[in-house]
Amino acid sequence: MPADLDELFATLGRQADAIPLAPAAAARERGRQRNRTRAVVASAVAVCLVVAGAVGLVERSDRRPDQTVAPTPSNRAMPEVGSPISLGGTITSADVVAADGRVFALWKADDGTFHLRAADLHTGALLWEAEHRTEQKAEPNALVGLRAAKSAVVLNTSGAAYVYRATDGKLLFDLPLAENDGLVLHDRAAIRWSQQDQQIEAYDWLTGERRWSRDATADRLGIVHPRGTLRLGESGDGQLFEVTGEGEVRLMDAGTGRVLETFTVPRPADNGWVIAYDNWLIIEETSGKNGYRLAATDLGTGETTTVVSEKAGHTLHGLDMCDADRLCVLDQAPLRRYTLASIDLTRQREVWRVPAMEGYPMVESDGHGRTMVADTGVMAFYDANGREVLRTKEAATSWLNTETLLNVPAAPGPVQLIRFSDGHVTTLGEVPLRIGNCVNTEDRLACPTLDGLRIWSLTG
């Protein structure tokens, strides 16, 4: 298998705010953190991450579990936009992100040089090229983080973040980042959070000048995203929030750093989940080793209620906001019994609970009631009522829009659209082998391949 959920977690982590919630832990725990922080870093950028894997559809809920629906071959290539953009030699791995009609590709040469390309998603034209050299030598496929904000693209190395202007590739400024530092990509500023310096600092995207700074006493920092923002993306325009280890919450204006409101929530669990969306802040409470509890805080009133309380033997594997007022929770009970539950936060009750996959799964919602649970090589998709609509096996599957899923193969093969309501498959055409993750908008797909960065039309 060319990739699994570790690549998914790695890619989501690169696109997340990268705010450490605790000292570094095992790889699985880092994946758990990335699932936890992803909901805090959603944005209005219409970009969906395509996860690596070979395409293969599995049963809808009305088929027997051992039935497999094979991908439909196609004799025609996908309609290409422009010509392949050279990535400069033999590349074994690359990373791509997209924002505001542009796609950015990153790879690292064995001499430690980072290479960046930017292309117009509409026309396929190369916009600019940039290089960044380091003193450390690395393997050709050793990538670091590439993230896109509204007006800039950010290259994260192990010791610094380099901010390039999205329109022409000019290096605007760089910020030092220690091991446990984080960088929030807010629409109004690049916000650096340092555990070592105990400071929060906001830097202007265009000039790199520090706009404000204040003492950081919190263990967690993120963005509260307004209703309607897409769930997979980069920068956001909501308020900042801090949560201390004692449960003190501060809402801040990202443009000025001014504290707008302060209130108290239950003490967060070490390495616990914290997500914020629209009017809700969800915190995994400290509960020792006896199960877990989830507290929901109404950010309008400051009122906090425990909405999930599980006994010893239960493990929280993932959560996300299913829609504006519902929380989806992935639970492992004794004997490795996994369930996905929908919790109504307003009424403080469980709406439904259904069986879910075994393994080390993660949960992700499209923000409109539909939910995906993923394990290594398999993704299961549920509707707003908890019905499993379909599964994809060894699949590169992402939300294209509220009605459609997109499948992209890792090996040469067909790109497919899957209608969520009934699982109907439309084959668009063939694409070649890719050497990293892809990104897409509703009408474009961009992937790094052996021939270079290539862009295809999803609408013909």
Protein backbone atom coordinates (compact mmCIF):
# COMPACT_ATOMS: atom_id res chain seq x y z
CA MET A 1 0.00 0.00 0.00
CA PRO A 2 1.61 3.32 -1.03
CA ALA A 3 0.22 5.28 1.90
CA ASP A 4 -2.04 4.89 4.92
CA LEU A 5 -3.54 7.00 7.66
CA ASP A 6 -0.09 7.99 8.93
CA GLU A 7 0.28 9.99 5.69
CA LEU A 8 -3.21 11.36 6.22
CA PHE A 9 -2.33 12.43 9.75
CA ALA A 10 0.96 13.90 8.55
CA THR A 11 -0.73 15.94 5.84
CA LEU A 12 -3.51 17.12 8.13
CA GLY A 13 -0.86 18.04 10.66
CA ARG A 14 1.00 20.13 8.10
CA GLN A 15 -2.21 21.96 7.25
CA ALA A 16 -3.33 22.35 10.87
CA ASP A 17 -2.28 25.18 13.14
CA ALA A 18 0.53 22.99 14.46
CA ILE A 19 -0.16 24.09 18.00
CA PRO A 20 1.32 21.51 20.40
CA LEU A 21 -1.14 20.51 23.09
CA ALA A 22 1.52 18.67 25.08
CA PRO A 23 5.12 17.47 24.71
CA ALA A 24 5.79 15.20 21.78
CA ALA A 25 4.39 11.70 22.17
CA ALA A 26 4.19 8.56 20.08
CA ALA A 27 3.22 8.74 16.43
CA ARG A 28 -0.29 7.54 17.11
CA GLU A 29 -0.77 10.24 19.73
CA ARG A 30 0.43 12.85 17.23
CA GLY A 31 -2.16 11.55 14.82
CA ARG A 32 -4.70 11.89 17.61
CA GLN A 33 -3.59 15.50 18.19
CA ARG A 34 -3.87 16.29 14.49
CA ASN A 35 -7.40 14.97 14.38
CA ARG A 36 -8.12 17.10 17.43
CA THR A 37 -6.64 20.33 16.06
CA ARG A 38 -7.96 20.01 12.51
CA ALA A 39 -11.43 21.21 13.47
CA VAL A 40 -9.94 24.37 14.93
CA VAL A 41 -8.19 25.36 11.72
CA ALA A 42 -10.94 25.12 9.13
CA SER A 43 -11.22 27.98 6.64
CA ALA A 44 -13.30 29.46 3.86
CA VAL A 45 -10.69 28.36 1.32
CA ALA A 46 -12.41 25.94 -1.04
CA VAL A 47 -9.74 23.27 -0.85
CA CYS A 48 -10.20 19.57 -0.06
CA LEU A 49 -7.27 17.36 0.82
CA VAL A 50 -6.99 14.17 -1.23
CA VAL A 51 -5.58 11.34 0.85
CA ALA A 52 -3.09 8.94 -0.70
CA GLY A 53 -4.23 5.43 -1.66
CA ALA A 54 -5.45 3.33 -4.58
CA VAL A 55 -9.09 3.61 -5.56
CA GLY A 56 -11.62 0.88 -4.84
CA LEU A 57 -15.25 1.18 -3.80
CA VAL A 58 -16.73 -1.09 -1.19
CA GLU A 59 -20.32 -1.87 -0.26
CA ARG A 60 -23.12 0.49 0.51
CA SER A 61 -25.03 -0.36 3.65
CA ASP A 62 -27.59 -2.42 1.71
CA ARG A 63 -24.90 -4.75 0.32
CA ARG A 64 -23.22 -7.65 2.07
CA PRO A 65 -19.99 -6.59 3.86
CA ASP A 66 -17.82 -8.85 1.68
CA GLN A 67 -19.05 -7.36 -1.58
CA THR A 68 -16.70 -4.99 -3.39
CA VAL A 69 -17.62 -2.55 -6.12
CA ALA A 70 -14.62 -2.27 -8.41
CA PRO A 71 -13.62 1.07 -9.95
CA THR A 72 -14.80 1.55 -13.50
CA PRO A 73 -11.89 1.69 -15.97
CA SER A 74 -11.75 4.51 -18.47
CA ASN A 75 -10.11 4.62 -21.87
CA ARG A 76 -9.62 8.37 -21.87
CA ALA A 77 -7.30 10.64 -19.98
CA MET A 78 -8.53 13.38 -17.69
CA PRO A 79 -8.84 16.75 -19.49
CA GLU A 80 -5.65 18.61 -18.58
CA VAL A 81 -5.35 22.33 -17.84
CA GLY A 82 -2.15 23.74 -19.28
CA SER A 83 1.02 21.65 -19.53
CA PRO A 84 2.94 19.76 -16.81
CA ILE A 85 5.11 22.09 -14.75
CA SER A 86 8.56 20.65 -14.21
CA LEU A 87 9.55 19.94 -10.63
CA GLY A 88 13.21 20.00 -11.56
CA GLY A 89 14.62 16.50 -11.91
CA THR A 90 13.78 13.15 -10.37
CA ILE A 91 11.49 13.73 -7.41
CA THR A 92 10.34 10.90 -5.17
CA SER A 93 7.92 12.87 -2.99
CA ALA A 94 6.25 16.27 -3.04
CA ASP A 95 3.66 18.22 -1.06
CA VAL A 96 0.97 20.48 -2.50
CA VAL A 97 -1.51 22.96 -1.00
CA ALA A 98 -3.94 25.39 -2.61
CA ALA A 99 -5.62 28.67 -1.77
CA ASP A 100 -7.32 31.55 -3.57
CA GLY A 101 -7.09 30.02 -7.04
CA ARG A 102 -3.42 28.97 -6.76
CA VAL A 103 -1.66 25.68 -6.14
CA PHE A 104 1.76 25.50 -4.46
CA ALA A 105 4.16 22.55 -4.71
CA LEU A 106 7.10 21.83 -2.39
CA TRP A 107 9.91 19.31 -2.54
CA LYS A 108 13.33 19.02 -0.92
CA ALA A 109 16.52 18.08 -2.72
CA ASP A 110 19.20 15.93 -1.11
CA ASP A 111 21.43 19.00 -0.68
CA GLY A 112 18.87 20.49 1.72
CA THR A 113 17.40 22.95 -0.78
CA PHE A 114 13.66 23.49 -0.64
CA HIS A 115 11.98 24.13 -3.99
CA LEU A 116 8.64 25.88 -4.43
CA ARG A 117 6.44 26.26 -7.51
CA ALA A 118 3.18 28.20 -7.77
CA ALA A 119 0.63 27.76 -10.56
CA ASP A 120 -2.72 29.25 -11.51
CA LEU A 121 -5.43 26.63 -11.00
CA HIS A 122 -7.67 28.12 -13.68
CA THR A 123 -5.15 28.30 -16.52
CA GLY A 124 -2.40 25.93 -15.38
CA ALA A 125 0.24 28.63 -15.94
CA LEU A 126 3.39 28.74 -13.83
CA LEU A 127 3.28 31.86 -11.63
CA TRP A 128 6.63 31.77 -9.86
CA GLU A 129 9.51 29.66 -8.56
CA ALA A 130 11.47 30.01 -5.33
CA GLU A 131 14.29 28.21 -3.55
CA HIS A 132 15.33 28.10 0.08
CA ARG A 133 18.65 26.60 1.13
CA THR A 134 19.53 25.12 4.50
CA GLU A 135 22.83 23.97 5.95
CA GLN A 136 21.45 20.55 6.83
CA LYS A 137 21.56 17.75 4.29
CA ALA A 138 18.41 15.64 4.01
CA GLU A 139 16.94 12.76 2.08
CA PRO A 140 15.23 13.79 -1.19
CA ASN A 141 11.81 12.76 0.11
CA ALA A 142 12.18 14.38 3.55
CA LEU A 143 9.50 17.08 3.44
CA VAL A 144 8.46 19.62 5.99
CA GLY A 145 5.21 21.54 6.23
CA LEU A 146 3.72 23.64 3.46
CA ARG A 147 0.64 25.67 4.39
CA ALA A 148 -1.42 28.23 2.54
CA ALA A 149 -2.95 31.38 3.98
CA LYS A 150 -5.16 33.93 2.24
CA SER A 151 -2.27 36.04 0.91
CA ALA A 152 0.81 33.92 1.53
CA VAL A 153 2.24 30.42 1.51
CA VAL A 154 4.20 29.27 4.55
CA LEU A 155 7.14 26.86 4.54
CA ASN A 156 7.62 25.29 7.98
CA THR A 157 11.05 23.82 8.71
CA SER A 158 12.19 22.32 11.99
CA GLY A 159 13.46 25.68 13.22
CA ALA A 160 11.60 28.42 11.40
CA ALA A 161 8.63 29.40 9.25
CA TYR A 162 9.28 31.21 5.96
CA VAL A 163 6.45 33.33 4.57
CA TYR A 164 6.27 33.87 0.79
CA ARG A 165 3.89 36.26 -0.95
CA ALA A 166 1.31 34.19 -2.81
CA THR A 167 1.22 36.39 -5.91
CA ASP A 168 4.93 36.50 -6.81
CA GLY A 169 6.88 34.26 -4.40
CA LYS A 170 8.77 37.06 -2.68
CA LEU A 171 10.10 36.02 0.73
CA LEU A 172 8.33 38.43 3.08
CA PHE A 173 9.71 37.39 6.45
CA ASP A 174 10.68 34.43 8.59
CA LEU A 175 9.87 33.52 12.16
CA PRO A 176 11.94 31.29 14.47
CA LEU A 177 10.06 28.24 15.74
CA ALA A 178 11.34 26.13 18.61
CA GLU A 179 10.29 22.49 18.95
CA ASN A 180 7.10 23.19 20.88
CA ASP A 181 6.21 26.49 19.20
CA GLY A 182 3.17 26.81 16.96
CA LEU A 183 2.00 29.10 14.18
CA VAL A 184 -1.68 29.98 13.68
CA LEU A 185 -2.50 31.18 10.17
CA HIS A 186 -5.22 33.72 10.81
CA ASP A 187 -6.56 35.86 7.98
CA ARG A 188 -5.53 39.00 9.88
CA ALA A 189 -2.05 37.93 10.97
CA ALA A 190 0.50 35.15 11.35
CA ILE A 191 0.30 34.34 15.04
CA ARG A 192 3.30 32.70 16.70
CA TRP A 193 2.79 30.96 20.03
CA SER A 194 5.90 30.04 22.02
CA GLN A 195 5.91 27.78 25.05
CA GLN A 196 9.58 28.55 25.58
CA ASP A 197 9.16 32.34 25.58
CA GLN A 198 5.61 32.24 26.99
CA GLN A 199 4.59 34.80 24.37
CA ILE A 200 1.89 35.15 21.74
CA GLU A 201 2.96 37.41 18.86
CA ALA A 202 1.05 38.53 15.76
CA TYR A 203 2.90 39.49 12.58
CA ASP A 204 1.60 41.42 9.60
CA TRP A 205 1.32 39.20 6.51
CA LEU A 206 2.69 41.82 4.11
CA THR A 207 5.50 43.41 6.10
CA GLY A 208 6.43 40.90 8.78
CA GLU A 209 6.17 43.64 11.41
CA ARG A 210 4.99 42.59 14.84
CA ARG A 211 1.49 43.99 15.34
CA TRP A 212 1.01 42.95 18.95
CA SER A 213 2.31 40.60 21.63
CA ARG A 214 1.15 39.42 25.01
CA ASP A 215 2.08 36.89 27.66
CA ALA A 216 0.95 33.35 26.91
CA THR A 217 -0.28 31.49 29.95
CA ALA A 218 -2.35 28.93 28.04
CA ASP A 219 -1.64 25.35 27.05
CA ARG A 220 -3.75 25.58 23.90
CA LEU A 221 -4.34 28.22 21.26
CA GLY A 222 -6.62 28.10 18.22
CA ILE A 223 -9.30 29.78 16.12
CA VAL A 224 -13.04 29.75 16.72
CA HIS A 225 -14.40 29.45 13.19
CA PRO A 226 -17.73 30.95 12.17
CA ARG A 227 -20.57 28.84 10.87
CA GLY A 228 -20.37 28.05 7.16
CA THR A 229 -16.59 27.76 6.85
CA LEU A 230 -15.28 24.64 5.16
CA ARG A 231 -13.68 22.07 7.37
CA LEU A 232 -10.46 21.28 5.49
CA GLY A 233 -8.21 24.21 4.80
CA GLU A 234 -5.86 26.74 6.25
CA SER A 235 -6.27 30.21 7.68
CA GLY A 236 -9.45 31.44 9.32
CA ASP A 237 -11.11 34.70 10.28
CA GLY A 238 -12.67 33.84 13.63
CA GLN A 239 -11.64 34.88 17.10
CA LEU A 240 -8.60 33.43 18.83
CA PHE A 241 -9.05 31.36 21.95
CA GLU A 242 -6.69 30.27 24.72
CA VAL A 243 -7.31 27.46 27.18
CA THR A 244 -5.11 27.09 30.26
CA GLY A 245 -4.36 23.86 32.06
CA GLU A 246 -6.67 25.02 34.84
CA GLY A 247 -9.58 25.57 32.46
CA GLU A 248 -9.48 29.34 32.07
CA VAL A 249 -10.61 30.39 28.57
CA ARG A 250 -9.84 33.72 26.90
CA LEU A 251 -11.41 34.89 23.65
CA MET A 252 -9.19 37.41 21.85
CA ASP A 253 -9.35 39.75 18.89
CA ALA A 254 -6.76 38.47 16.42
CA GLY A 255 -6.07 41.92 15.02
CA THR A 256 -5.20 43.57 18.32
CA GLY A 257 -4.66 40.78 20.86
CA ARG A 258 -7.27 42.38 23.11
CA VAL A 259 -9.06 39.94 25.42
CA LEU A 260 -12.76 40.12 24.65
CA GLU A 261 -14.09 37.67 27.20
CA THR A 262 -12.85 35.36 29.95
CA PHE A 263 -14.64 32.41 31.52
CA THR A 264 -13.88 29.07 33.16
CA VAL A 265 -14.45 25.53 31.86
CA PRO A 266 -13.66 22.12 33.40
CA ARG A 267 -9.98 21.33 33.66
CA PRO A 268 -8.84 19.89 30.28
CA ALA A 269 -7.37 16.41 30.17
CA ASP A 270 -3.69 16.09 29.33
CA ASN A 271 -3.43 15.52 25.57
CA GLY A 272 -7.20 15.89 25.44
CA TRP A 273 -9.31 17.04 22.52
CA VAL A 274 -10.16 20.73 22.18
CA ILE A 275 -12.21 21.99 19.22
CA ALA A 276 -14.05 25.26 18.59
CA TYR A 277 -16.63 25.97 15.91
CA ASP A 278 -19.21 28.74 15.68
CA ASN A 279 -20.86 28.98 19.09
CA TRP A 280 -19.29 25.93 20.75
CA LEU A 281 -16.07 25.06 22.53
CA ILE A 282 -15.66 21.33 23.15
CA ILE A 283 -13.15 20.16 25.77
CA GLU A 284 -12.20 16.68 26.90
CA GLU A 285 -12.30 16.95 30.69
CA THR A 286 -9.79 15.50 33.12
CA SER A 287 -11.21 12.18 34.25
CA GLY A 288 -8.23 10.12 35.35
CA LYS A 289 -8.10 6.64 33.81
CA ASN A 290 -11.79 5.99 34.20
CA GLY A 291 -13.29 6.60 30.80
CA TYR A 292 -13.68 10.15 29.56
CA ARG A 293 -15.98 13.17 29.65
CA LEU A 294 -16.70 15.87 27.08
CA ALA A 295 -17.82 19.36 28.10
CA ALA A 296 -19.56 21.75 25.69
CA THR A 297 -19.37 25.50 26.38
CA ASP A 298 -21.77 27.94 24.75
CA LEU A 299 -19.46 30.80 23.75
CA GLY A 300 -22.38 33.22 23.77
CA THR A 301 -23.40 32.60 27.37
CA GLY A 302 -20.30 30.95 28.84
CA GLU A 303 -22.50 28.13 30.16
CA THR A 304 -20.79 24.72 30.27
CA THR A 305 -22.46 21.30 30.30
CA THR A 306 -20.99 17.80 30.32
CA VAL A 307 -22.54 16.22 27.20
CA VAL A 308 -20.69 12.86 27.13
CA SER A 309 -19.62 10.77 30.10
CA GLU A 310 -18.22 7.27 29.49
CA LYS A 311 -17.15 4.78 32.14
CA ALA A 312 -13.89 2.88 32.54
CA GLY A 313 -13.01 0.76 29.53
CA HIS A 314 -14.14 3.36 26.98
CA THR A 315 -11.60 5.28 24.89
CA LEU A 316 -12.20 8.45 22.90
CA HIS A 317 -10.75 7.97 19.40
CA GLY A 318 -12.02 11.08 17.64
CA LEU A 319 -14.58 13.82 17.45
CA ASP A 320 -15.75 16.56 15.13
CA MET A 321 -18.70 18.91 14.76
CA CYS A 322 -21.22 17.11 12.53
CA ASP A 323 -23.01 20.40 11.93
CA ALA A 324 -23.58 23.67 13.78
CA ASP A 325 -25.10 22.11 16.93
CA ARG A 326 -24.20 18.42 16.77
CA LEU A 327 -21.03 16.69 17.87
CA CYS A 328 -19.90 13.36 16.37
CA VAL A 329 -17.95 11.13 18.77
CA LEU A 330 -15.98 7.99 17.89
CA ASP A 331 -15.81 5.64 20.89
CA GLN A 332 -14.04 2.36 21.58
CA ALA A 333 -15.82 0.22 24.17
CA PRO A 334 -14.48 -2.98 25.77
CA LEU A 335 -13.78 -5.90 23.39
CA ARG A 336 -12.77 -3.37 20.69
CA ARG A 337 -16.33 -2.39 19.89
CA TYR A 338 -16.28 0.91 18.00
CA THR A 339 -19.30 3.18 17.70
CA LEU A 340 -20.00 6.57 16.14
CA ALA A 341 -22.50 8.75 18.01
CA SER A 342 -24.18 12.07 17.25
CA ILE A 343 -24.75 14.37 20.24
CA ASP A 344 -27.22 17.26 20.15
CA LEU A 345 -25.42 20.00 22.09
CA THR A 346 -28.44 22.25 22.45
CA ARG A 347 -30.67 19.52 23.91
CA GLN A 348 -27.72 17.74 25.55
CA ARG A 349 -28.75 14.29 24.38
CA GLU A 350 -27.56 11.49 22.13
CA VAL A 351 -29.41 11.47 18.80
CA TRP A 352 -28.04 8.20 17.38
CA ARG A 353 -25.23 5.67 17.80
CA VAL A 354 -24.09 3.19 15.13
CA PRO A 355 -21.29 0.57 14.83
CA ALA A 356 -18.01 1.83 13.37
CA MET A 357 -14.81 0.28 12.05
CA GLU A 358 -12.14 -1.33 14.20
CA GLY A 359 -8.50 -0.35 14.19
CA TYR A 360 -7.15 3.12 14.84
CA PRO A 361 -9.80 5.24 13.19
CA MET A 362 -10.33 8.96 12.92
CA VAL A 363 -13.54 10.92 12.41
CA GLU A 364 -14.18 13.91 10.15
CA SER A 365 -17.36 15.72 9.11
CA ASP A 366 -18.20 17.87 6.12
CA GLY A 367 -19.98 20.32 8.44
CA HIS A 368 -23.41 19.49 6.99
CA GLY A 369 -24.26 16.38 9.00
CA ARG A 370 -22.31 13.88 6.90
CA THR A 371 -19.40 12.11 8.56
CA MET A 372 -16.42 9.99 7.55
CA VAL A 373 -14.62 7.44 9.73
CA ALA A 374 -11.23 6.35 8.41
CA ASP A 375 -8.85 3.56 9.25
CA THR A 376 -5.77 2.33 7.41
CA GLY A 377 -6.87 1.98 3.80
CA VAL A 378 -10.64 2.15 4.45
CA MET A 379 -13.08 5.04 4.79
CA ALA A 380 -16.75 4.71 5.78
CA PHE A 381 -19.24 7.52 5.08
CA TYR A 382 -22.38 8.18 7.14
CA ASP A 383 -25.36 10.42 6.47
CA ALA A 384 -26.95 12.82 8.97
CA ASN A 385 -29.05 9.96 10.41
CA GLY A 386 -26.09 7.69 11.06
CA ARG A 387 -26.69 5.39 8.08
CA GLU A 388 -23.52 4.07 6.49
CA VAL A 389 -23.94 5.08 2.85
CA LEU A 390 -20.74 3.58 1.41
CA ARG A 391 -17.15 2.61 2.04
CA THR A 392 -14.04 3.17 -0.03
CA LYS A 393 -11.15 0.74 0.22
CA GLU A 394 -7.55 1.77 -0.39
CA ALA A 395 -9.13 5.05 -1.45
CA ALA A 396 -8.10 8.62 -1.95
CA THR A 397 -11.47 10.04 -1.00
CA SER A 398 -12.47 13.60 -0.09
CA TRP A 399 -15.54 15.80 -0.01
CA LEU A 400 -15.87 17.60 -3.34
CA ASN A 401 -19.05 19.42 -2.30
CA THR A 402 -22.06 18.79 -0.09
CA GLU A 403 -23.40 16.09 -2.45
CA THR A 404 -20.33 14.50 -4.00
CA LEU A 405 -17.16 12.64 -3.02
CA LEU A 406 -13.98 12.58 -5.09
CA ASN A 407 -11.79 9.47 -5.54
CA VAL A 408 -8.23 9.83 -6.87
CA PRO A 409 -5.96 6.78 -7.32
CA ALA A 410 -2.37 6.58 -6.13
CA ALA A 411 -1.44 4.18 -8.92
CA PRO A 412 -2.39 5.07 -12.49
CA GLY A 413 -6.15 4.75 -12.76
CA PRO A 414 -9.55 6.45 -12.95
CA VAL A 415 -10.67 9.56 -11.09
CA GLN A 416 -14.25 9.08 -9.91
CA LEU A 417 -17.12 11.15 -8.56
CA ILE A 418 -19.37 9.38 -6.06
CA ARG A 419 -22.85 10.73 -5.41
CA PHE A 420 -23.33 10.61 -1.66
CA SER A 421 -27.09 10.01 -1.70
CA ASP A 422 -26.97 6.69 -3.56
CA GLY A 423 -23.32 5.80 -4.22
CA HIS A 424 -23.59 6.35 -7.99
CA VAL A 425 -20.13 6.46 -9.59
CA THR A 426 -19.12 8.68 -12.51
CA THR A 427 -15.69 8.02 -14.02
CA LEU A 428 -14.01 11.19 -15.26
CA GLY A 429 -10.84 9.80 -16.82
CA GLU A 430 -7.41 8.34 -16.10
CA VAL A 431 -4.53 10.00 -14.25
CA PRO A 432 -0.90 8.82 -13.97
CA LEU A 433 1.08 7.79 -10.92
CA ARG A 434 1.39 10.59 -8.39
CA ILE A 435 4.27 11.16 -5.97
CA GLY A 436 2.48 12.95 -3.16
CA ASN A 437 -0.85 14.27 -1.99
CA CYS A 438 -3.25 16.06 -4.35
CA VAL A 439 -5.49 19.05 -3.77
CA ASN A 440 -8.71 20.07 -5.45
CA THR A 441 -11.38 22.70 -5.75
CA GLU A 442 -14.82 21.90 -7.14
CA ASP A 443 -13.54 22.22 -10.72
CA ARG A 444 -9.80 21.50 -10.54
CA LEU A 445 -7.51 18.68 -9.41
CA ALA A 446 -3.76 19.21 -8.95
CA CYS A 447 -1.22 16.44 -8.27
CA PRO A 448 2.57 16.08 -8.30
CA THR A 449 3.58 13.34 -10.76
CA LEU A 450 6.76 11.99 -12.31
CA ASP A 451 6.14 14.41 -15.20
CA GLY A 452 5.75 17.41 -12.89
CA LEU A 453 2.91 19.32 -11.28
CA ARG A 454 -0.23 18.59 -13.30
CA ILE A 455 -3.68 20.20 -13.18
CA TRP A 456 -6.87 18.62 -14.52
CA SER A 457 -10.42 19.84 -14.99
CA LEU A 458 -13.13 18.07 -13.00
CA THR A 459 -15.88 19.56 -15.15
CA GLY A 460 -14.71 18.46 -18.61
